[in-house]
PDB file of all heavy atoms in Angstrom:
ATOM      1  N   SER A   1       0.831  -1.213   0.000  1.00  0.00           N
ATOM      2  CA  SER A   1      -0.001   0.001  -0.026  1.00  0.00           C
ATOM      3  C   SER A   1       0.885   1.257  -0.002  1.00  0.00           C
ATOM      4  O   SER A   1       0.549   2.261  -0.653  1.00  0.00           O
ATOM      5  CB  SER A   1      -0.988   0.013   1.174  1.00  0.00           C
ATOM      6  OG  SER A   1      -0.314   0.163   2.410  1.00  0.00           O
ATOM      7  N   ILE A   2       1.976   1.243   0.717  1.00  0.00           N
ATOM      8  CA  ILE A   2       2.901   2.375   0.725  1.00  0.00           C
ATOM      9  C   ILE A   2       3.500   2.541  -0.670  1.00  0.00           C
ATOM     10  O   ILE A   2       3.540   3.656  -1.224  1.00  0.00           O
ATOM     11  CB  ILE A   2       4.026   2.174   1.781  1.00  0.00           C
ATOM     12  CG1 ILE A   2       3.454   2.282   3.182  1.00  0.00           C
ATOM     13  CG2 ILE A   2       5.154   3.193   1.581  1.00  0.00           C
ATOM     14  CD1 ILE A   2       4.385   1.904   4.269  1.00  0.00           C
ATOM     15  N   ARG A   3       3.974   1.471  -1.292  1.00  0.00           N
ATOM     16  CA  ARG A   3       4.563   1.510  -2.614  1.00  0.00           C
ATOM     17  C   ARG A   3       3.563   2.075  -3.618  1.00  0.00           C
ATOM     18  O   ARG A   3       3.890   2.976  -4.412  1.00  0.00           O
ATOM     19  CB  ARG A   3       4.981   0.100  -3.042  1.00  0.00           C
ATOM     20  CG  ARG A   3       5.716   0.036  -4.364  1.00  0.00           C
ATOM     21  CD  ARG A   3       6.136  -1.400  -4.741  1.00  0.00           C
ATOM     22  NE  ARG A   3       6.818  -2.090  -3.670  1.00  0.00           N
ATOM     23  CZ  ARG A   3       6.344  -3.084  -2.889  1.00  0.00           C
ATOM     24  NH1 ARG A   3       5.094  -3.457  -3.087  1.00  0.00           N
ATOM     25  NH2 ARG A   3       7.121  -3.627  -1.987  1.00  0.00           N
ATOM     26  N   ASN A   4       2.347   1.596  -3.581  1.00  0.00           N
ATOM     27  CA  ASN A   4       1.333   2.053  -4.562  1.00  0.00           C
ATOM     28  C   ASN A   4       0.987   3.509  -4.391  1.00  0.00           C
ATOM     29  O   ASN A   4       0.831   4.239  -5.352  1.00  0.00           O
ATOM     30  CB  ASN A   4       0.062   1.190  -4.436  1.00  0.00           C
ATOM     31  CG  ASN A   4       0.280  -0.259  -4.901  1.00  0.00           C
ATOM     32  OD1 ASN A   4       1.248  -0.523  -5.623  1.00  0.00           O
ATOM     33  ND2 ASN A   4      -0.593  -1.127  -4.476  1.00  0.00           N
ATOM     34  N   LYS A   5       0.889   3.946  -3.175  1.00  0.00           N
ATOM     35  CA  LYS A   5       0.530   5.359  -2.927  1.00  0.00           C
ATOM     36  C   LYS A   5       1.633   6.295  -3.342  1.00  0.00           C
ATOM     37  O   LYS A   5       1.387   7.314  -3.967  1.00  0.00           O
ATOM     38  CB  LYS A   5       0.195   5.565  -1.417  1.00  0.00           C
ATOM     39  CG  LYS A   5      -0.368   6.967  -1.153  1.00  0.00           C
ATOM     40  CD  LYS A   5      -0.977   7.014   0.219  1.00  0.00           C
ATOM     41  CE  LYS A   5      -1.702   8.356   0.355  1.00  0.00           C
ATOM     42  NZ  LYS A   5      -2.335   8.507   1.690  1.00  0.00           N
ATOM     43  N   LEU A   6       2.885   5.964  -3.069  1.00  0.00           N
ATOM     44  CA  LEU A   6       3.991   6.811  -3.469  1.00  0.00           C
ATOM     45  C   LEU A   6       4.092   6.913  -4.976  1.00  0.00           C
ATOM     46  O   LEU A   6       4.360   7.939  -5.528  1.00  0.00           O
ATOM     47  CB  LEU A   6       5.322   6.322  -2.845  1.00  0.00           C
ATOM     48  CG  LEU A   6       5.450   6.521  -1.332  1.00  0.00           C
ATOM     49  CD1 LEU A   6       6.633   5.796  -0.798  1.00  0.00           C
ATOM     50  CD2 LEU A   6       5.518   7.996  -0.996  1.00  0.00           C
ATOM     51  N   ALA A   7       3.883   5.754  -5.616  1.00  0.00           N
ATOM     52  CA  ALA A   7       3.985   5.752  -7.095  1.00  0.00           C
ATOM     53  C   ALA A   7       2.856   6.574  -7.697  1.00  0.00           C
ATOM     54  O   ALA A   7       3.018   7.397  -8.626  1.00  0.00           O
ATOM     55  CB  ALA A   7       3.940   4.312  -7.622  1.00  0.00           C
ATOM     56  N   ALA A   8       1.650   6.378  -7.213  1.00  0.00           N
ATOM     57  CA  ALA A   8       0.459   7.077  -7.778  1.00  0.00           C
ATOM     58  C   ALA A   8       0.392   8.565  -7.452  1.00  0.00           C
ATOM     59  O   ALA A   8       0.186   9.379  -8.323  1.00  0.00           O
ATOM     60  CB  ALA A   8      -0.827   6.384  -7.264  1.00  0.00           C
ATOM     61  N   GLU A   9       0.635   8.905  -6.199  1.00  0.00           N
ATOM     62  CA  GLU A   9       0.439  10.285  -5.751  1.00  0.00           C
ATOM     63  C   GLU A   9       1.652  11.172  -5.964  1.00  0.00           C
ATOM     64  O   GLU A   9       1.486  12.415  -6.066  1.00  0.00           O
ATOM     65  CB  GLU A   9      -0.057  10.317  -4.313  1.00  0.00           C
ATOM     66  CG  GLU A   9      -1.441   9.726  -4.211  1.00  0.00           C
ATOM     67  CD  GLU A   9      -2.038   9.942  -2.821  1.00  0.00           C
ATOM     68  OE1 GLU A   9      -1.577  10.799  -2.029  1.00  0.00           O
ATOM     69  OE2 GLU A   9      -3.020   9.238  -2.526  1.00  0.00           O
ATOM     70  N   MET A  10       2.827  10.603  -5.924  1.00  0.00           N
ATOM     71  CA  MET A  10       4.048  11.438  -6.098  1.00  0.00           C
ATOM     72  C   MET A  10       4.661  11.268  -7.454  1.00  0.00           C
ATOM     73  O   MET A  10       5.593  12.012  -7.822  1.00  0.00           O
ATOM     74  CB  MET A  10       5.062  11.109  -5.031  1.00  0.00           C
ATOM     75  CG  MET A  10       4.666  11.506  -3.609  1.00  0.00           C
ATOM     76  SD  MET A  10       6.007  11.410  -2.457  1.00  0.00           S
ATOM     77  CE  MET A  10       7.099  12.629  -3.086  1.00  0.00           C
ATOM     78  N   GLY A  11       4.224  10.284  -8.228  1.00  0.00           N
ATOM     79  CA  GLY A  11       4.798  10.063  -9.539  1.00  0.00           C
ATOM     80  C   GLY A  11       6.190   9.458  -9.417  1.00  0.00           C
ATOM     81  O   GLY A  11       7.045   9.656 -10.309  1.00  0.00           O
ATOM     82  N   ALA A  12       6.432   8.717  -8.357  1.00  0.00           N
ATOM     83  CA  ALA A  12       7.722   8.045  -8.183  1.00  0.00           C
ATOM     84  C   ALA A  12       7.919   7.028  -9.292  1.00  0.00           C
ATOM     85  O   ALA A  12       7.034   6.275  -9.648  1.00  0.00           O
ATOM     86  CB  ALA A  12       7.779   7.388  -6.806  1.00  0.00           C
ATOM     87  N   VAL A  13       9.148   7.022  -9.823  1.00  0.00           N
ATOM     88  CA  VAL A  13       9.460   6.088 -10.922  1.00  0.00           C
ATOM     89  C   VAL A  13      10.022   4.751 -10.411  1.00  0.00           C
ATOM     90  O   VAL A  13      10.030   3.754 -11.127  1.00  0.00           O
ATOM     91  CB  VAL A  13      10.430   6.735 -11.948  1.00  0.00           C
ATOM     92  CG1 VAL A  13       9.749   7.884 -12.652  1.00  0.00           C
ATOM     93  CG2 VAL A  13      11.708   7.151 -11.275  1.00  0.00           C
ATOM     94  N   HIS A  14      10.442   4.761  -9.164  1.00  0.00           N
ATOM     95  CA  HIS A  14      10.928   3.529  -8.548  1.00  0.00           C
ATOM     96  C   HIS A  14      10.723   3.635  -7.047  1.00  0.00           C
ATOM     97  O   HIS A  14      11.047   4.631  -6.411  1.00  0.00           O
ATOM     98  CB  HIS A  14      12.467   3.356  -8.793  1.00  0.00           C
ATOM     99  CG  HIS A  14      13.019   2.139  -8.214  1.00  0.00           C
ATOM    100  ND1 HIS A  14      12.867   0.876  -8.776  1.00  0.00           N
ATOM    101  CD2 HIS A  14      13.706   1.917  -7.009  1.00  0.00           C
ATOM    102  CE1 HIS A  14      13.500  -0.036  -8.009  1.00  0.00           C
ATOM    103  NE2 HIS A  14      14.013   0.566  -6.961  1.00  0.00           N
ATOM    104  N   VAL A  15      10.100   2.594  -6.463  1.00  0.00           N
ATOM    105  CA  VAL A  15       9.861   2.580  -5.008  1.00  0.00           C
ATOM    106  C   VAL A  15      10.186   1.188  -4.489  1.00  0.00           C
ATOM    107  O   VAL A  15       9.679   0.185  -5.026  1.00  0.00           O
ATOM    108  CB  VAL A  15       8.389   2.896  -4.684  1.00  0.00           C
ATOM    109  CG1 VAL A  15       8.166   2.920  -3.196  1.00  0.00           C
ATOM    110  CG2 VAL A  15       7.953   4.237  -5.281  1.00  0.00           C
ATOM    111  N   GLU A  16      10.998   1.149  -3.458  1.00  0.00           N
ATOM    112  CA  GLU A  16      11.289  -0.091  -2.740  1.00  0.00           C
ATOM    113  C   GLU A  16      10.836   0.094  -1.329  1.00  0.00           C
ATOM    114  O   GLU A  16      11.185   1.091  -0.682  1.00  0.00           O
ATOM    115  CB  GLU A  16      12.775  -0.421  -2.742  1.00  0.00           C
ATOM    116  CG  GLU A  16      13.365  -0.719  -4.145  1.00  0.00           C
ATOM    117  CD  GLU A  16      14.884  -0.921  -4.069  1.00  0.00           C
ATOM    118  OE1 GLU A  16      15.448  -1.157  -2.949  1.00  0.00           O
ATOM    119  OE2 GLU A  16      15.512  -0.870  -5.143  1.00  0.00           O
ATOM    120  N   VAL A  17      10.029  -0.868  -0.835  1.00  0.00           N
ATOM    121  CA  VAL A  17       9.524  -0.794   0.531  1.00  0.00           C
ATOM    122  C   VAL A  17       9.819  -2.129   1.206  1.00  0.00           C
ATOM    123  O   VAL A  17       9.486  -3.150   0.730  1.00  0.00           O
ATOM    124  CB  VAL A  17       8.029  -0.488   0.579  1.00  0.00           C
ATOM    125  CG1 VAL A  17       7.550  -0.382   2.027  1.00  0.00           C
ATOM    126  CG2 VAL A  17       7.653   0.749  -0.197  1.00  0.00           C
ATOM    127  N   GLU A  18      10.528  -2.018   2.350  1.00  0.00           N
ATOM    128  CA  GLU A  18      10.860  -3.231   3.127  1.00  0.00           C
ATOM    129  C   GLU A  18      10.213  -3.114   4.539  1.00  0.00           C
ATOM    130  O   GLU A  18      10.400  -2.119   5.217  1.00  0.00           O
ATOM    131  CB  GLU A  18      12.364  -3.328   3.229  1.00  0.00           C
ATOM    132  CG  GLU A  18      12.835  -4.518   4.059  1.00  0.00           C
ATOM    133  CD  GLU A  18      14.338  -4.473   4.295  1.00  0.00           C
ATOM    134  OE1 GLU A  18      15.073  -3.652   3.665  1.00  0.00           O
ATOM    135  OE2 GLU A  18      14.791  -5.329   5.057  1.00  0.00           O
ATOM    136  N   ASP A  19       9.428  -4.114   4.887  1.00  0.00           N
ATOM    137  CA  ASP A  19       8.932  -4.202   6.233  1.00  0.00           C
ATOM    138  C   ASP A  19      10.046  -4.712   7.135  1.00  0.00           C
ATOM    139  O   ASP A  19      10.456  -5.826   7.038  1.00  0.00           O
ATOM    140  CB  ASP A  19       7.710  -5.182   6.278  1.00  0.00           C
ATOM    141  CG  ASP A  19       7.043  -5.230   7.635  1.00  0.00           C
ATOM    142  OD1 ASP A  19       7.669  -4.754   8.615  1.00  0.00           O
ATOM    143  OD2 ASP A  19       5.936  -5.765   7.692  1.00  0.00           O
ATOM    144  N   THR A  20      10.553  -3.799   7.998  1.00  0.00           N
ATOM    145  CA  THR A  20      11.748  -4.127   8.804  1.00  0.00           C
ATOM    146  C   THR A  20      11.300  -4.606  10.199  1.00  0.00           C
ATOM    147  O   THR A  20      12.210  -4.822  11.047  1.00  0.00           O
ATOM    148  CB  THR A  20      12.693  -2.925   8.896  1.00  0.00           C
ATOM    149  OG1 THR A  20      11.954  -1.828   9.394  1.00  0.00           O
ATOM    150  CG2 THR A  20      13.284  -2.599   7.578  1.00  0.00           C
ATOM    151  N   THR A  21      10.080  -4.785  10.441  1.00  0.00           N
ATOM    152  CA  THR A  21       9.604  -5.319  11.734  1.00  0.00           C
ATOM    153  C   THR A  21      10.043  -6.784  11.814  1.00  0.00           C
ATOM    154  O   THR A  21       9.923  -7.517  10.830  1.00  0.00           O
ATOM    155  CB  THR A  21       8.076  -5.228  11.850  1.00  0.00           C
ATOM    156  OG1 THR A  21       7.655  -3.968  11.371  1.00  0.00           O
ATOM    157  CG2 THR A  21       7.592  -5.413  13.282  1.00  0.00           C
ATOM    158  N   THR A  22      10.515  -7.212  12.955  1.00  0.00           N
ATOM    159  CA  THR A  22      10.975  -8.612  13.105  1.00  0.00           C
ATOM    160  C   THR A  22       9.899  -9.641  12.687  1.00  0.00           C
ATOM    161  O   THR A  22      10.196 -10.580  12.050  1.00  0.00           O
ATOM    162  CB  THR A  22      11.474  -8.882  14.532  1.00  0.00           C
ATOM    163  OG1 THR A  22      10.972  -7.897  15.428  1.00  0.00           O
ATOM    164  CG2 THR A  22      12.930  -8.930  14.597  1.00  0.00           C
ATOM    165  N   ASP A  23       8.700  -9.375  13.126  1.00  0.00           N
ATOM    166  CA  ASP A  23       7.634 -10.369  12.798  1.00  0.00           C
ATOM    167  C   ASP A  23       6.764  -9.902  11.614  1.00  0.00           C
ATOM    168  O   ASP A  23       5.657 -10.427  11.407  1.00  0.00           O
ATOM    169  CB  ASP A  23       6.771 -10.628  14.040  1.00  0.00           C
ATOM    170  CG  ASP A  23       6.129  -9.355  14.586  1.00  0.00           C
ATOM    171  OD1 ASP A  23       6.400  -8.275  14.040  1.00  0.00           O
ATOM    172  OD2 ASP A  23       5.374  -9.451  15.573  1.00  0.00           O
ATOM    173  N   HIS A  24       7.243  -8.917  10.892  1.00  0.00           N
ATOM    174  CA  HIS A  24       6.565  -8.355   9.716  1.00  0.00           C
ATOM    175  C   HIS A  24       5.099  -7.926  10.045  1.00  0.00           C
ATOM    176  O   HIS A  24       4.198  -8.262   9.290  1.00  0.00           O
ATOM    177  CB  HIS A  24       6.611  -9.330   8.533  1.00  0.00           C
ATOM    178  CG  HIS A  24       8.003  -9.633   8.089  1.00  0.00           C
ATOM    179  ND1 HIS A  24       8.781  -8.718   7.419  1.00  0.00           N
ATOM    180  CD2 HIS A  24       8.804 -10.672   8.303  1.00  0.00           C
ATOM    181  CE1 HIS A  24       9.948  -9.181   7.185  1.00  0.00           C
ATOM    182  NE2 HIS A  24      10.009 -10.430   7.679  1.00  0.00           N
ATOM    183  N   CYS A  25       4.968  -7.241  11.150  1.00  0.00           N
ATOM    184  CA  CYS A  25       3.647  -6.788  11.564  1.00  0.00           C
ATOM    185  C   CYS A  25       3.328  -5.403  11.016  1.00  0.00           C
ATOM    186  O   CYS A  25       2.406  -4.726  11.446  1.00  0.00           O
ATOM    187  CB  CYS A  25       3.478  -6.833  13.075  1.00  0.00           C
ATOM    188  SG  CYS A  25       4.555  -5.734  13.969  1.00  0.00           S
ATOM    189  N   SER A  26       4.127  -4.906  10.067  1.00  0.00           N
ATOM    190  CA  SER A  26       3.888  -3.645   9.391  1.00  0.00           C
ATOM    191  C   SER A  26       3.870  -2.392  10.265  1.00  0.00           C
ATOM    192  O   SER A  26       3.020  -1.542  10.153  1.00  0.00           O
ATOM    193  CB  SER A  26       2.582  -3.732   8.553  1.00  0.00           C
ATOM    194  OG  SER A  26       2.657  -4.769   7.661  1.00  0.00           O
ATOM    195  N   THR A  27       4.820  -2.302  11.171  1.00  0.00           N
ATOM    196  CA  THR A  27       4.918  -1.108  11.975  1.00  0.00           C
ATOM    197  C   THR A  27       6.289  -0.395  11.814  1.00  0.00           C
ATOM    198  O   THR A  27       6.494   0.636  12.379  1.00  0.00           O
ATOM    199  CB  THR A  27       4.758  -1.421  13.516  1.00  0.00           C
ATOM    200  OG1 THR A  27       5.695  -2.410  13.895  1.00  0.00           O
ATOM    201  CG2 THR A  27       3.331  -1.946  13.762  1.00  0.00           C
ATOM    202  N   SER A  28       7.142  -0.993  11.037  1.00  0.00           N
ATOM    203  CA  SER A  28       8.469  -0.425  10.760  1.00  0.00           C
ATOM    204  C   SER A  28       8.837  -0.685   9.284  1.00  0.00           C
ATOM    205  O   SER A  28       8.773  -1.794   8.796  1.00  0.00           O
ATOM    206  CB  SER A  28       9.524  -1.025  11.669  1.00  0.00           C
ATOM    207  OG  SER A  28      10.767  -0.561  11.431  1.00  0.00           O
ATOM    208  N   PHE A  29       9.185   0.400   8.608  1.00  0.00           N
ATOM    209  CA  PHE A  29       9.466   0.307   7.189  1.00  0.00           C
ATOM    210  C   PHE A  29      10.741   1.066   6.787  1.00  0.00           C
ATOM    211  O   PHE A  29      11.058   2.105   7.354  1.00  0.00           O
ATOM    212  CB  PHE A  29       8.326   0.884   6.327  1.00  0.00           C
ATOM    213  CG  PHE A  29       7.073   0.075   6.416  1.00  0.00           C
ATOM    214  CD1 PHE A  29       6.068   0.418   7.322  1.00  0.00           C
ATOM    215  CD2 PHE A  29       6.840  -1.021   5.626  1.00  0.00           C
ATOM    216  CE1 PHE A  29       4.878  -0.273   7.446  1.00  0.00           C
ATOM    217  CE2 PHE A  29       5.663  -1.729   5.737  1.00  0.00           C
ATOM    218  CZ  PHE A  29       4.671  -1.363   6.619  1.00  0.00           C
ATOM    219  N   LYS A  30      11.417   0.534   5.758  1.00  0.00           N
ATOM    220  CA  LYS A  30      12.546   1.177   5.151  1.00  0.00           C
ATOM    221  C   LYS A  30      12.155   1.393   3.695  1.00  0.00           C
ATOM    222  O   LYS A  30      11.774   0.438   3.029  1.00  0.00           O
ATOM    223  CB  LYS A  30      13.823   0.314   5.250  1.00  0.00           C
ATOM    224  CG  LYS A  30      15.034   0.892   4.702  1.00  0.00           C
ATOM    225  CD  LYS A  30      16.209  -0.053   4.934  1.00  0.00           C
ATOM    226  CE  LYS A  30      17.473   0.489   4.359  1.00  0.00           C
ATOM    227  NZ  LYS A  30      18.656  -0.383   4.611  1.00  0.00           N
ATOM    228  N   VAL A  31      12.273   2.637   3.205  1.00  0.00           N
ATOM    229  CA  VAL A  31      11.743   2.977   1.887  1.00  0.00           C
ATOM    230  C   VAL A  31      12.807   3.678   1.085  1.00  0.00           C
ATOM    231  O   VAL A  31      13.465   4.577   1.568  1.00  0.00           O
ATOM    232  CB  VAL A  31      10.473   3.868   1.991  1.00  0.00           C
ATOM    233  CG1 VAL A  31       9.904   4.181   0.690  1.00  0.00           C
ATOM    234  CG2 VAL A  31       9.442   3.208   2.894  1.00  0.00           C
ATOM    235  N   LEU A  32      12.901   3.330  -0.230  1.00  0.00           N
ATOM    236  CA  LEU A  32      13.699   4.046  -1.187  1.00  0.00           C
ATOM    237  C   LEU A  32      12.710   4.565  -2.241  1.00  0.00           C
ATOM    238  O   LEU A  32      11.935   3.813  -2.809  1.00  0.00           O
ATOM    239  CB  LEU A  32      14.694   3.114  -1.852  1.00  0.00           C
ATOM    240  CG  LEU A  32      15.388   3.648  -3.122  1.00  0.00           C
ATOM    241  CD1 LEU A  32      16.288   4.842  -2.784  1.00  0.00           C
ATOM    242  CD2 LEU A  32      16.176   2.546  -3.828  1.00  0.00           C
ATOM    243  N   ILE A  33      12.762   5.907  -2.448  1.00  0.00           N
ATOM    244  CA  ILE A  33      11.871   6.527  -3.387  1.00  0.00           C
ATOM    245  C   ILE A  33      12.690   7.320  -4.425  1.00  0.00           C
ATOM    246  O   ILE A  33      13.521   8.158  -4.083  1.00  0.00           O
ATOM    247  CB  ILE A  33      10.876   7.546  -2.702  1.00  0.00           C
ATOM    248  CG1 ILE A  33      10.137   6.831  -1.563  1.00  0.00           C
ATOM    249  CG2 ILE A  33       9.900   8.105  -3.684  1.00  0.00           C
ATOM    250  CD1 ILE A  33      10.309   7.559  -0.283  1.00  0.00           C
ATOM    251  N   VAL A  34      12.451   6.995  -5.700  1.00  0.00           N
ATOM    252  CA  VAL A  34      13.106   7.722  -6.817  1.00  0.00           C
ATOM    253  C   VAL A  34      12.010   8.506  -7.510  1.00  0.00           C
ATOM    254  O   VAL A  34      11.058   7.927  -8.048  1.00  0.00           O
ATOM    255  CB  VAL A  34      13.797   6.746  -7.763  1.00  0.00           C
ATOM    256  CG1 VAL A  34      14.497   7.504  -8.890  1.00  0.00           C
ATOM    257  CG2 VAL A  34      14.782   5.852  -7.035  1.00  0.00           C
ATOM    258  N   CYS A  35      12.171   9.811  -7.513  1.00  0.00           N
ATOM    259  CA  CYS A  35      11.054  10.668  -7.991  1.00  0.00           C
ATOM    260  C   CYS A  35      11.626  11.918  -8.666  1.00  0.00           C
ATOM    261  O   CYS A  35      12.421  12.616  -8.094  1.00  0.00           O
ATOM    262  CB  CYS A  35      10.158  11.040  -6.822  1.00  0.00           C
ATOM    263  SG  CYS A  35       8.736  12.030  -7.261  1.00  0.00           S
ATOM    264  N   PRO A  36      11.142  12.228  -9.876  1.00  0.00           N
ATOM    265  CA  PRO A  36      11.579  13.439 -10.563  1.00  0.00           C
ATOM    266  C   PRO A  36      11.264  14.721  -9.776  1.00  0.00           C
ATOM    267  O   PRO A  36      11.932  15.704  -9.913  1.00  0.00           O
ATOM    268  CB  PRO A  36      10.826  13.399 -11.880  1.00  0.00           C
ATOM    269  CG  PRO A  36      10.339  12.006 -12.095  1.00  0.00           C
ATOM    270  CD  PRO A  36      10.255  11.444 -10.705  1.00  0.00           C
TER     271      PRO A  36
END
């Protein structure tokens, strides 16, 4: 959902999103955003 929103609303050309929570409970994220 984070990846889709950044791509759609910011026009990001590349988005990487990693759930860094130990149990992958979606409370900690590491994100790379490439955007003009």
